[in-house]
C-alpha atoms as a PDB file:
ATOM      1  CA  MET A   1       0.049   0.043   0.073  1.00  0.00           C
ATOM      2  CA  LYS A   2       2.833   2.282   0.826  1.00  0.00           C
ATOM      3  CA  THR A   3       4.539   1.608  -2.554  1.00  0.00           C
ATOM      4  CA  ALA A   4       1.380   2.564  -4.344  1.00  0.00           C
ATOM      5  CA  GLY A   5       1.050   5.860  -2.524  1.00  0.00           C
ATOM      6  CA  VAL A   6       4.709   6.587  -3.231  1.00  0.00           C
ATOM      7  CA  ALA A   7       4.216   5.848  -6.885  1.00  0.00           C
ATOM      8  CA  LEU A   8       1.088   8.056  -6.932  1.00  0.00           C
ATOM      9  CA  LEU A   9       3.000  10.899  -5.392  1.00  0.00           C
ATOM     10  CA  PHE A  10       5.786  10.482  -7.918  1.00  0.00           C
ATOM     11  CA  GLY A  11       3.293  10.512 -10.758  1.00  0.00           C
ATOM     12  CA  LEU A  12       1.668  13.626  -9.479  1.00  0.00           C
ATOM     13  CA  CYS A  13       4.781  15.523  -9.056  1.00  0.00           C
ATOM     14  CA  CYS A  14       5.705  14.563 -12.643  1.00  0.00           C
ATOM     15  CA  MET A  15       2.306  15.543 -13.898  1.00  0.00           C
ATOM     16  CA  ILE A  16       2.448  19.005 -12.312  1.00  0.00           C
ATOM     17  CA  GLY A  17       5.885  19.568 -13.723  1.00  0.00           C
ATOM     18  CA  PHE A  18       4.774  18.722 -17.269  1.00  0.00           C
ATOM     19  CA  ARG A  19       1.533  20.539 -17.055  1.00  0.00           C
ATOM     20  CA  LEU A  20       3.413  23.781 -16.111  1.00  0.00           C
ATOM     21  CA  GLY A  21       5.877  23.187 -18.858  1.00  0.00           C
ATOM     22  CA  ARG A  22       3.143  22.549 -21.423  1.00  0.00           C
ATOM     23  CA  LYS A  23       1.575  25.893 -20.846  1.00  0.00           C
ATOM     24  CA  LYS A  24       4.844  27.597 -21.675  1.00  0.00           C
ATOM     25  CA  THR A  25       5.680  25.628 -24.706  1.00  0.00           C
ATOM     26  CA  GLY A  26       2.061  26.093 -25.901  1.00  0.00           C
ATOM     27  CA  ARG A  27       2.621  29.775 -26.166  1.00  0.00           C
ATOM     28  CA  LEU A  28       5.728  29.301 -28.329  1.00  0.00           C
ATOM     29  CA  LYS A  29       3.748  27.007 -30.644  1.00  0.00           C
ATOM     30  CA  ALA A  30       0.883  29.504 -31.041  1.00  0.00           C
ATOM     31  CA  ILE A  31       3.289  32.433 -31.796  1.00  0.00           C
ATOM     32  CA  ARG A  32       5.165  30.258 -34.330  1.00  0.00           C
ATOM     33  CA  SER A  33       1.773  29.418 -36.008  1.00  0.00           C
ATOM     34  CA  LEU A  34       0.912  33.044 -36.057  1.00  0.00           C
ATOM     35  CA  ARG A  35       4.334  34.010 -37.733  1.00  0.00           C
ATOM     36  CA  SER A  36       4.187  31.345 -40.232  1.00  0.00           C
ATOM     37  CA  ASP A  37       0.650  32.291 -41.322  1.00  0.00           C
ATOM     38  CA  LEU A  38       1.639  36.010 -41.476  1.00  0.00           C
ATOM     39  CA  ILE A  39       4.581  35.125 -43.777  1.00  0.00           C
ATOM     40  CA  LEU A  40       2.298  33.286 -46.223  1.00  0.00           C
ATOM     41  CA  PHE A  41      -0.307  36.171 -45.864  1.00  0.00           C
ATOM     42  CA  SER A  42       2.496  38.745 -46.552  1.00  0.00           C
ATOM     43  CA  GLU A  43       3.739  36.775 -49.625  1.00  0.00           C
ATOM     44  CA  ARG A  44       0.108  36.580 -51.086  1.00  0.00           C
ATOM     45  CA  ILE A  45      -0.440  40.326 -50.635  1.00  0.00           C
ATOM     46  CA  GLY A  46       2.892  40.937 -52.191  1.00  0.00           C
ATOM     47  CA  SER A  47       2.063  39.007 -55.282  1.00  0.00           C
ATOM     48  CA  GLY A  48      -1.276  40.970 -55.491  1.00  0.00           C
ATOM     49  CA  CYS A  49      -3.637  38.101 -55.775  1.00  0.00           C
ATOM     50  CA  GLY A  50      -6.988  37.392 -53.923  1.00  0.00           C
ATOM     51  CA  THR A  51      -9.372  38.995 -51.579  1.00  0.00           C
ATOM     52  CA  LEU A  52      -8.966  38.896 -47.829  1.00  0.00           C
ATOM     53  CA  LYS A  53     -11.545  35.860 -47.755  1.00  0.00           C
ATOM     54  CA  GLU A  54      -9.342  34.032 -50.450  1.00  0.00           C
ATOM     55  CA  LEU A  55      -6.262  34.769 -48.420  1.00  0.00           C
ATOM     56  CA  GLN A  56      -7.856  33.645 -45.109  1.00  0.00           C
ATOM     57  CA  SER A  57      -8.927  30.318 -46.679  1.00  0.00           C
ATOM     58  CA  GLU A  58      -5.200  29.514 -47.617  1.00  0.00           C
ATOM     59  CA  LEU A  59      -4.007  30.039 -43.976  1.00  0.00           C
ATOM     60  CA  ASN A  60      -4.118  26.865 -41.849  1.00  0.00           C
ATOM     61  CA  GLY A  61      -2.782  28.305 -38.582  1.00  0.00           C
ATOM     62  CA  ALA A  62      -3.760  30.666 -35.876  1.00  0.00           C
ATOM     63  CA  LEU A  63      -3.950  33.740 -38.063  1.00  0.00           C
ATOM     64  CA  GLY A  64      -6.213  31.954 -40.512  1.00  0.00           C
ATOM     65  CA  GLU A  65      -8.635  31.245 -37.600  1.00  0.00           C
ATOM     66  CA  ILE A  66      -8.459  34.707 -36.256  1.00  0.00           C
ATOM     67  CA  LEU A  67      -9.173  36.268 -39.757  1.00  0.00           C
ATOM     68  CA  LYS A  68     -12.050  33.793 -40.301  1.00  0.00           C
ATOM     69  CA  VAL A  69     -13.739  34.930 -37.058  1.00  0.00           C
ATOM     70  CA  TYR A  70     -13.043  38.596 -38.045  1.00  0.00           C
ATOM     71  CA  LEU A  71     -14.469  38.327 -41.604  1.00  0.00           C
ATOM     72  CA  ASP A  72     -17.456  36.233 -40.247  1.00  0.00           C
ATOM     73  CA  MET A  73     -18.155  39.104 -37.786  1.00  0.00           C
ATOM     74  CA  LEU A  74     -17.861  41.679 -40.506  1.00  0.00           C
ATOM     75  CA  ASP A  75     -20.294  39.594 -42.794  1.00  0.00           C
ATOM     76  CA  ALA A  76     -22.738  39.484 -39.818  1.00  0.00           C
ATOM     77  CA  GLY A  77     -22.840  43.354 -39.886  1.00  0.00           C
ATOM     78  CA  LYS A  78     -20.608  44.148 -36.983  1.00  0.00           C
ATOM     79  CA  GLN A  79     -18.476  47.220 -36.910  1.00  0.00           C
ATOM     80  CA  GLU A  80     -14.679  46.874 -37.605  1.00  0.00           C
ATOM     81  CA  VAL A  81     -13.582  47.474 -33.962  1.00  0.00           C
ATOM     82  CA  ASP A  82     -16.045  44.936 -32.669  1.00  0.00           C
ATOM     83  CA  ALA A  83     -15.172  42.359 -35.283  1.00  0.00           C
ATOM     84  CA  ALA A  84     -11.498  42.821 -34.357  1.00  0.00           C
ATOM     85  CA  GLU A  85     -12.343  42.450 -30.626  1.00  0.00           C
ATOM     86  CA  SER A  86     -14.297  39.279 -31.199  1.00  0.00           C
ATOM     87  CA  ALA A  87     -11.591  37.653 -33.233  1.00  0.00           C
ATOM     88  CA  VAL A  88      -9.033  38.457 -30.578  1.00  0.00           C
ATOM     89  CA  GLU A  89     -11.337  37.094 -27.912  1.00  0.00           C
ATOM     90  CA  GLU A  90     -11.434  33.703 -29.448  1.00  0.00           C
ATOM     91  CA  HIS A  91      -7.745  33.380 -29.069  1.00  0.00           C
ATOM     92  CA  ARG A  92      -6.999  34.745 -25.662  1.00  0.00           C
ATOM     93  CA  ASP A  93      -4.054  32.326 -25.135  1.00  0.00           C
ATOM     94  CA  ASN A  94      -1.684  34.680 -26.732  1.00  0.00           C
ATOM     95  CA  GLU A  95      -1.707  37.655 -24.132  1.00  0.00           C
ATOM     96  CA  THR A  96       1.603  38.958 -25.397  1.00  0.00           C
ATOM     97  CA  VAL A  97       0.439  39.656 -28.927  1.00  0.00           C
ATOM     98  CA  GLU A  98      -3.236  40.236 -28.289  1.00  0.00           C
ATOM     99  CA  GLU A  99      -3.098  44.043 -28.628  1.00  0.00           C
ATOM    100  CA  GLU A 100      -0.884  43.888 -31.629  1.00  0.00           C
ATOM    101  CA  ILE A 101      -3.184  41.547 -33.479  1.00  0.00           C
ATOM    102  CA  ARG A 102      -6.225  43.813 -32.509  1.00  0.00           C
ATOM    103  CA  MET A 103      -4.344  46.816 -34.063  1.00  0.00           C
ATOM    104  CA  PHE A 104      -3.589  44.646 -37.162  1.00  0.00           C
ATOM    105  CA  LEU A 105      -7.129  43.765 -37.680  1.00  0.00           C
ATOM    106  CA  THR A 106      -8.656  47.161 -37.095  1.00  0.00           C
ATOM    107  CA  GLY A 107      -9.179  48.702 -40.525  1.00  0.00           C
ATOM    108  CA  LEU A 108      -7.935  45.651 -42.232  1.00  0.00           C
ATOM    109  CA  SER A 109     -10.888  45.166 -44.558  1.00  0.00           C
ATOM    110  CA  THR A 110     -10.599  48.748 -46.016  1.00  0.00           C
ATOM    111  CA  ALA A 111      -6.794  48.867 -46.135  1.00  0.00           C
ATOM    112  CA  SER A 112      -4.895  49.235 -49.415  1.00  0.00           C
ATOM    113  CA  ARG A 113      -2.263  46.885 -50.607  1.00  0.00           C
ATOM    114  CA  THR A 114       0.593  49.017 -49.299  1.00  0.00           C
ATOM    115  CA  ASP A 115      -1.103  49.428 -46.094  1.00  0.00           C
ATOM    116  CA  LEU A 116      -1.548  45.695 -45.858  1.00  0.00           C
ATOM    117  CA  ILE A 117       2.187  45.180 -46.589  1.00  0.00           C
ATOM    118  CA  ARG A 118       3.065  47.754 -43.955  1.00  0.00           C
ATOM    119  CA  ARG A 119       0.815  46.102 -41.352  1.00  0.00           C
ATOM    120  CA  THR A 120       2.169  42.615 -41.979  1.00  0.00           C
ATOM    121  CA  GLN A 121       5.767  43.961 -41.482  1.00  0.00           C
ATOM    122  CA  THR A 122       4.931  45.664 -38.268  1.00  0.00           C
ATOM    123  CA  LEU A 123       3.220  42.647 -36.940  1.00  0.00           C
ATOM    124  CA  GLY A 124       5.995  40.389 -38.086  1.00  0.00           C
ATOM    125  CA  LYS A 125       8.522  42.321 -36.124  1.00  0.00           C
ATOM    126  CA  LEU A 126       6.387  42.148 -33.062  1.00  0.00           C
ATOM    127  CA  LEU A 127       5.879  38.393 -33.427  1.00  0.00           C
ATOM    128  CA  GLU A 128       9.552  37.935 -33.817  1.00  0.00           C
ATOM    129  CA  ARG A 129      10.255  39.673 -30.645  1.00  0.00           C
ATOM    130  CA  ALA A 130       7.395  37.641 -28.865  1.00  0.00           C
ATOM    131  CA  GLU A 131       8.869  34.469 -30.208  1.00  0.00           C
ATOM    132  CA  LYS A 132      12.221  35.092 -28.637  1.00  0.00           C
ATOM    133  CA  GLU A 133      10.457  35.796 -25.324  1.00  0.00           C
ATOM    134  CA  ALA A 134       8.452  32.532 -25.695  1.00  0.00           C
ATOM    135  CA  GLU A 135      11.627  30.635 -26.535  1.00  0.00           C
ATOM    136  CA  THR A 136      13.157  31.822 -23.262  1.00  0.00           C
ATOM    137  CA  ALA A 137       9.922  30.737 -21.375  1.00  0.00           C
ATOM    138  CA  ALA A 138      10.116  27.426 -23.264  1.00  0.00           C
ATOM    139  CA  LYS A 139      13.624  26.775 -21.805  1.00  0.00           C
ATOM    140  CA  GLN A 140      12.187  27.459 -18.459  1.00  0.00           C
ATOM    141  CA  ALA A 141       9.530  24.982 -19.241  1.00  0.00           C
ATOM    142  CA  ARG A 142      12.040  22.223 -19.592  1.00  0.00           C
ATOM    143  CA  ILE A 143      13.434  23.262 -16.101  1.00  0.00           C
ATOM    144  CA  LEU A 144       9.843  22.918 -14.641  1.00  0.00           C
ATOM    145  CA  GLN A 145       9.489  19.533 -16.092  1.00  0.00           C
ATOM    146  CA  ILE A 146      12.761  18.141 -14.840  1.00  0.00           C
ATOM    147  CA  SER A 147      12.082  19.824 -11.371  1.00  0.00           C
ATOM    148  CA  GLY A 148       8.709  17.993 -11.267  1.00  0.00           C
ATOM    149  CA  VAL A 149      10.528  14.653 -11.870  1.00  0.00           C
ATOM    150  CA  LEU A 150      13.330  15.312  -9.391  1.00  0.00           C
ATOM    151  CA  THR A 151      10.911  16.436  -6.716  1.00  0.00           C
ATOM    152  CA  GLY A 152       8.888  13.338  -7.179  1.00  0.00           C
ATOM    153  CA  ALA A 153      11.870  11.183  -7.133  1.00  0.00           C
ATOM    154  CA  GLY A 154      13.165  12.904  -3.979  1.00  0.00           C
ATOM    155  CA  LEU A 155       9.976  12.544  -2.143  1.00  0.00           C
ATOM    156  CA  ALA A 156       9.667   8.915  -3.267  1.00  0.00           C
ATOM    157  CA  ILE A 157      13.086   8.161  -1.881  1.00  0.00           C
ATOM    158  CA  LEU A 158      12.342   9.967   1.285  1.00  0.00           C
ATOM    159  CA  LEU A 159       9.141   8.036   1.936  1.00  0.00           C
ATOM    160  CA  LEU A 160      10.582   4.580   1.121  1.00  0.00           C
END
């Protein structure tokens, strides 16, 4: 019975460490998804082909989902600011870039091609900086995971 309790305690410590680590690595994955979609979006705008709906349908990551919500809200008759807010609300997991995405979306449907290119460049720089911060946090995530395992192992040794 004691051995089962020690094993459960070890498992719990490991699970806590991995859960904390997953939150930090999840943010990095979300930002990388936004960046890769933004690069594709920028390339399509630069080539001068397609409408926002067509461009959105080509995106598979987080930016594609945000643009879909944004365009759906505009089609439903919402104002530009409300549509941008609704699109950002759907993806609250990116607190670091939330305001930048909101600024990117506000006025997007009426922007000219040169303005779209300027907006993507600005957001790209901000996402690059956010990605570096998220990479640092992801390194800390590995430390949390290892700490969870070591804590569990230490407690198990002490209790045996």
